[in-house]
Each structure stands twice: as C-alpha cells, then as structure tokens.
C-alpha cells in the first residue's frame, strides 16, 4: 500500500464496475491487434518464377513450391544475401532467377512453407515459423 493513498477505499461499486469494463475492453482490444491480415504480409513480387523443369533434386522441388504457392512464398521474408538485390521483395523474388538455385536457405524455406501449407497451416502461421527458424538468433 502507498502511504497516504486511500483511493481504493473510496471507489464506489459503480466506479469499480466501470474500471473493470475499461480494463476488459483494453485487454480485448490488444488481443485483437495481434491478429495479422495475410494481405499485409505480401511482398509484391509480380514476376514469374523460373520453370522448375530446368532444375533437379531439391532445387526443382523448391522452384515447384514457389511456382505453385506464389501467394504464400511472396508473404515470406528472404533470410540470405539474396535480399541485397535491388529487385528483391520477398522470398518469391529469389525464385524469379537463379538466386535460389544456389541458396540452401531459400530452398529450405520454400520447402518448409510448402510442407506447412500442405499440412493446412495458414500463411500467418507459416510466416511465424519461417521467421523464427531463419532470423538471426531464431534457431
């Protein structure tokens, strides 16, 4: 108790109810702010990815994932040096040229996104997982 503070004793039942309502609304409002609109995650890549038939093995699978799930892959950040490219808008940008072919991080992120999408995860959950796994200190 704070010395000399007696406010809690003088608060009427009506004020306590009003205060409780304000706290409840504030908490509820903050909880709803944590919901992410998937549209806001999109990087805006509009170029076509390279055709997966030009690749083999893991690269082919990753390019297929990017081609088949552009809305998901475009919502993911690239966590390698590909991001230094002027035209890089998202992970999808890495698949419009040969960048991802030589990058284990890009291929692994695309394949993880595909696996999660196939498992029914939404783009927000996929993004959180990719960010946690590949961001600095995320592993």
C-alpha atoms as a PDB file:
ATOM      1  CA  UNK A   1       0.000   0.000   0.000  1.00  0.00           C
ATOM      2  CA  UNK A   2       1.194   3.502  -0.805  1.00  0.00           C
ATOM      3  CA  UNK A   3       1.466   5.698   2.256  1.00  0.00           C
ATOM      4  CA  UNK A   4      -1.476   8.057   2.483  1.00  0.00           C
ATOM      5  CA  UNK A   5      -3.342   6.518  -0.501  1.00  0.00           C
ATOM      6  CA  UNK A   6      -6.912   5.633   0.314  1.00  0.00           C
ATOM      7  CA  UNK A   7      -8.447   5.763  -3.171  1.00  0.00           C
ATOM      8  CA  UNK A   8      -9.252   2.091  -3.240  1.00  0.00           C
ATOM      9  CA  UNK A   9     -11.429   2.517  -0.161  1.00  0.00           C
ATOM     10  CA  UNK A  10     -13.429   5.383  -1.631  1.00  0.00           C
ATOM     11  CA  UNK A  11     -14.139   3.863  -5.049  1.00  0.00           C
ATOM     12  CA  UNK A  12     -17.862   3.150  -5.387  1.00  0.00           C
ATOM     13  CA  UNK A  13     -19.183  -0.138  -6.716  1.00  0.00           C
ATOM     14  CA  UNK A  14     -20.259   1.654  -9.902  1.00  0.00           C
ATOM     15  CA  UNK A  15     -16.760   3.029 -10.449  1.00  0.00           C
ATOM     16  CA  UNK A  16     -15.218  -0.380  -9.786  1.00  0.00           C
ATOM     17  CA  UNK A  17     -17.546  -1.887 -12.405  1.00  0.00           C
ATOM     18  CA  UNK A  18     -16.708   0.882 -14.893  1.00  0.00           C
ATOM     19  CA  UNK A  19     -12.978   0.492 -14.245  1.00  0.00           C
ATOM     20  CA  UNK A  20     -13.261  -3.281 -14.724  1.00  0.00           C
ATOM     21  CA  UNK A  21     -15.108  -2.762 -18.001  1.00  0.00           C
ATOM     22  CA  UNK A  22     -12.429  -0.358 -19.273  1.00  0.00           C
ATOM     23  CA  UNK A  23      -9.681  -2.846 -18.385  1.00  0.00           C
ATOM     24  CA  UNK A  24     -11.594  -5.677 -20.078  1.00  0.00           C
ATOM     25  CA  UNK A  25     -12.102  -3.636 -23.253  1.00  0.00           C
ATOM     26  CA  UNK A  26      -8.437  -2.641 -23.313  1.00  0.00           C
ATOM     27  CA  UNK A  27      -7.270  -6.227 -22.953  1.00  0.00           C
ATOM     28  CA  UNK A  28      -9.732  -7.427 -25.599  1.00  0.00           C
ATOM     29  CA  UNK A  29      -8.638  -4.644 -27.941  1.00  0.00           C
ATOM     30  CA  UNK A  30      -4.978  -5.536 -27.522  1.00  0.00           C
ATOM     31  CA  UNK A  31      -5.696  -9.184 -28.170  1.00  0.00           C
ATOM     32  CA  UNK A  32      -7.428  -8.364 -31.441  1.00  0.00           C
ATOM     33  CA  UNK A  33      -4.429  -6.259 -32.515  1.00  0.00           C
ATOM     34  CA  UNK A  34      -2.295  -9.388 -32.534  1.00  0.00           C
ATOM     35  CA  UNK A  35      -4.246 -10.820 -35.487  1.00  0.00           C
ATOM     36  CA  UNK A  36      -2.325 -10.331 -38.715  1.00  0.00           C
ATOM     37  CA  UNK A  37      -4.033  -9.705 -42.024  1.00  0.00           C
ATOM     38  CA  UNK A  38      -2.283 -12.027 -44.515  1.00  0.00           C
ATOM     39  CA  UNK A  39      -2.666  -9.378 -47.229  1.00  0.00           C
ATOM     40  CA  UNK A  40      -0.282  -7.103 -45.329  1.00  0.00           C
ATOM     41  CA  UNK A  41       2.467  -9.735 -45.466  1.00  0.00           C
ATOM     42  CA  UNK A  42       2.732  -9.832 -49.258  1.00  0.00           C
ATOM     43  CA  UNK A  43       5.999  -8.539 -50.667  1.00  0.00           C
ATOM     44  CA  UNK A  44       4.535  -7.534 -54.007  1.00  0.00           C
ATOM     45  CA  UNK A  45       6.597  -9.739 -56.318  1.00  0.00           C
ATOM     46  CA  UNK A  46       4.852  -9.888 -59.702  1.00  0.00           C
ATOM     47  CA  UNK A  47       7.487 -11.547 -61.883  1.00  0.00           C
ATOM     48  CA  UNK A  48       7.054 -15.194 -62.885  1.00  0.00           C
ATOM     49  CA  UNK A  49       9.299 -17.762 -61.214  1.00  0.00           C
ATOM     50  CA  UNK A  50      11.641 -19.834 -63.340  1.00  0.00           C
ATOM     51  CA  UNK A  51      10.207 -23.076 -64.633  1.00  0.00           C
ATOM     52  CA  UNK A  52      11.051 -25.973 -62.288  1.00  0.00           C
ATOM     53  CA  UNK A  53      11.797 -28.276 -65.255  1.00  0.00           C
ATOM     54  CA  UNK A  54      15.173 -26.538 -65.579  1.00  0.00           C
ATOM     55  CA  UNK A  55      16.267 -27.918 -62.204  1.00  0.00           C
ATOM     56  CA  UNK A  56      16.715 -31.267 -60.482  1.00  0.00           C
ATOM     57  CA  UNK A  57      16.506 -32.589 -56.930  1.00  0.00           C
ATOM     58  CA  UNK A  58      15.815 -30.192 -54.081  1.00  0.00           C
ATOM     59  CA  UNK A  59      16.107 -27.162 -56.359  1.00  0.00           C
ATOM     60  CA  UNK A  60      13.348 -28.492 -58.593  1.00  0.00           C
ATOM     61  CA  UNK A  61      11.111 -29.141 -55.578  1.00  0.00           C
ATOM     62  CA  UNK A  62      11.770 -25.640 -54.212  1.00  0.00           C
ATOM     63  CA  UNK A  63      11.078 -23.950 -57.574  1.00  0.00           C
ATOM     64  CA  UNK A  64       7.862 -26.006 -57.846  1.00  0.00           C
ATOM     65  CA  UNK A  65       6.828 -24.810 -54.390  1.00  0.00           C
ATOM     66  CA  UNK A  66       7.473 -21.203 -55.364  1.00  0.00           C
ATOM     67  CA  UNK A  67       5.600 -21.559 -58.650  1.00  0.00           C
ATOM     68  CA  UNK A  68       2.617 -23.375 -57.106  1.00  0.00           C
ATOM     69  CA  UNK A  69       2.320 -21.242 -53.937  1.00  0.00           C
ATOM     70  CA  UNK A  70       3.261 -17.707 -55.015  1.00  0.00           C
ATOM     71  CA  UNK A  71       0.863 -16.054 -52.551  1.00  0.00           C
ATOM     72  CA  UNK A  72       2.480 -17.921 -49.652  1.00  0.00           C
ATOM     73  CA  UNK A  73       6.125 -17.606 -50.763  1.00  0.00           C
ATOM     74  CA  UNK A  74       5.616 -13.889 -51.530  1.00  0.00           C
ATOM     75  CA  UNK A  75       4.496 -13.428 -47.921  1.00  0.00           C
ATOM     76  CA  UNK A  76       7.828 -14.688 -46.576  1.00  0.00           C
ATOM     77  CA  UNK A  77      10.980 -12.736 -45.985  1.00  0.00           C
ATOM     78  CA  UNK A  78      14.228 -13.936 -47.538  1.00  0.00           C
ATOM     79  CA  UNK A  79      16.905 -14.561 -44.899  1.00  0.00           C
ATOM     80  CA  UNK A  80      20.031 -14.810 -47.044  1.00  0.00           C
ATOM     81  CA  UNK A  81      22.200 -12.491 -49.131  1.00  0.00           C
ATOM     82  CA  UNK A  82      19.614 -12.542 -51.924  1.00  0.00           C
ATOM     83  CA  UNK A  83      17.943  -9.671 -50.071  1.00  0.00           C
ATOM     84  CA  UNK A  84      20.782  -7.404 -51.144  1.00  0.00           C
ATOM     85  CA  UNK A  85      19.383  -7.470 -54.676  1.00  0.00           C
ATOM     86  CA  UNK A  86      17.617  -4.271 -55.643  1.00  0.00           C
ATOM     87  CA  UNK A  87      14.640  -6.199 -57.017  1.00  0.00           C
ATOM     88  CA  UNK A  88      14.186  -8.493 -54.028  1.00  0.00           C
ATOM     89  CA  UNK A  89      10.743  -8.005 -52.499  1.00  0.00           C
ATOM     90  CA  UNK A  90      10.270 -11.330 -50.722  1.00  0.00           C
ATOM     91  CA  UNK A  91      11.379 -14.950 -50.788  1.00  0.00           C
ATOM     92  CA  UNK A  92       9.462 -15.307 -54.064  1.00  0.00           C
ATOM     93  CA  UNK A  93      11.910 -12.855 -55.678  1.00  0.00           C
ATOM     94  CA  UNK A  94      14.696 -15.388 -55.191  1.00  0.00           C
ATOM     95  CA  UNK A  95      12.863 -17.795 -57.493  1.00  0.00           C
ATOM     96  CA  UNK A  96      12.432 -15.443 -60.474  1.00  0.00           C
ATOM     97  CA  UNK A  97      16.089 -16.002 -61.359  1.00  0.00           C
ATOM     98  CA  UNK A  98      18.853 -18.444 -60.427  1.00  0.00           C
ATOM     99  CA  UNK A  99      19.410 -16.959 -56.947  1.00  0.00           C
ATOM    100  CA  UNK A 100      17.530 -19.663 -55.044  1.00  0.00           C
ATOM    101  CA  UNK A 101      19.237 -22.463 -57.002  1.00  0.00           C
ATOM    102  CA  UNK A 102      22.481 -21.711 -55.193  1.00  0.00           C
ATOM    103  CA  UNK A 103      20.985 -20.883 -51.811  1.00  0.00           C
ATOM    104  CA  UNK A 104      20.218 -23.589 -49.268  1.00  0.00           C
ATOM    105  CA  UNK A 105      18.325 -21.082 -47.071  1.00  0.00           C
ATOM    106  CA  UNK A 106      15.919 -20.072 -49.847  1.00  0.00           C
ATOM    107  CA  UNK A 107      15.259 -23.650 -50.900  1.00  0.00           C
ATOM    108  CA  UNK A 108      14.783 -24.854 -47.331  1.00  0.00           C
ATOM    109  CA  UNK A 109      12.370 -22.002 -46.509  1.00  0.00           C
ATOM    110  CA  UNK A 110      10.280 -22.631 -49.633  1.00  0.00           C
ATOM    111  CA  UNK A 111      10.104 -26.372 -48.960  1.00  0.00           C
ATOM    112  CA  UNK A 112       9.152 -25.810 -45.315  1.00  0.00           C
ATOM    113  CA  UNK A 113       6.432 -23.375 -46.412  1.00  0.00           C
ATOM    114  CA  UNK A 114       5.079 -25.961 -48.863  1.00  0.00           C
ATOM    115  CA  UNK A 115       5.107 -28.676 -46.206  1.00  0.00           C
ATOM    116  CA  UNK A 116       3.257 -26.458 -43.749  1.00  0.00           C
ATOM    117  CA  UNK A 117       0.766 -25.306 -46.389  1.00  0.00           C
ATOM    118  CA  UNK A 118       0.105 -28.933 -47.374  1.00  0.00           C
ATOM    119  CA  UNK A 119      -0.489 -29.623 -43.670  1.00  0.00           C
ATOM    120  CA  UNK A 120      -3.225 -26.994 -43.528  1.00  0.00           C
ATOM    121  CA  UNK A 121      -1.296 -24.149 -41.889  1.00  0.00           C
ATOM    122  CA  UNK A 122      -2.246 -20.614 -42.877  1.00  0.00           C
ATOM    123  CA  UNK A 123       0.181 -18.037 -44.217  1.00  0.00           C
ATOM    124  CA  UNK A 124       0.439 -16.208 -40.882  1.00  0.00           C
ATOM    125  CA  UNK A 125       1.498 -19.368 -39.059  1.00  0.00           C
ATOM    126  CA  UNK A 126       3.903 -20.253 -41.872  1.00  0.00           C
ATOM    127  CA  UNK A 127       5.446 -16.776 -41.705  1.00  0.00           C
ATOM    128  CA  UNK A 128       5.914 -17.012 -37.931  1.00  0.00           C
ATOM    129  CA  UNK A 129       7.640 -20.388 -38.263  1.00  0.00           C
ATOM    130  CA  UNK A 130       9.935 -19.222 -41.085  1.00  0.00           C
ATOM    131  CA  UNK A 131      10.817 -16.033 -39.202  1.00  0.00           C
ATOM    132  CA  UNK A 132      11.602 -17.979 -36.038  1.00  0.00           C
ATOM    133  CA  UNK A 133      13.688 -20.596 -37.845  1.00  0.00           C
ATOM    134  CA  UNK A 134      15.741 -18.336 -40.137  1.00  0.00           C
ATOM    135  CA  UNK A 135      16.016 -14.950 -38.418  1.00  0.00           C
ATOM    136  CA  UNK A 136      19.242 -14.141 -36.600  1.00  0.00           C
ATOM    137  CA  UNK A 137      19.015 -15.783 -33.212  1.00  0.00           C
ATOM    138  CA  UNK A 138      15.855 -17.608 -34.263  1.00  0.00           C
ATOM    139  CA  UNK A 139      17.387 -21.069 -34.294  1.00  0.00           C
END
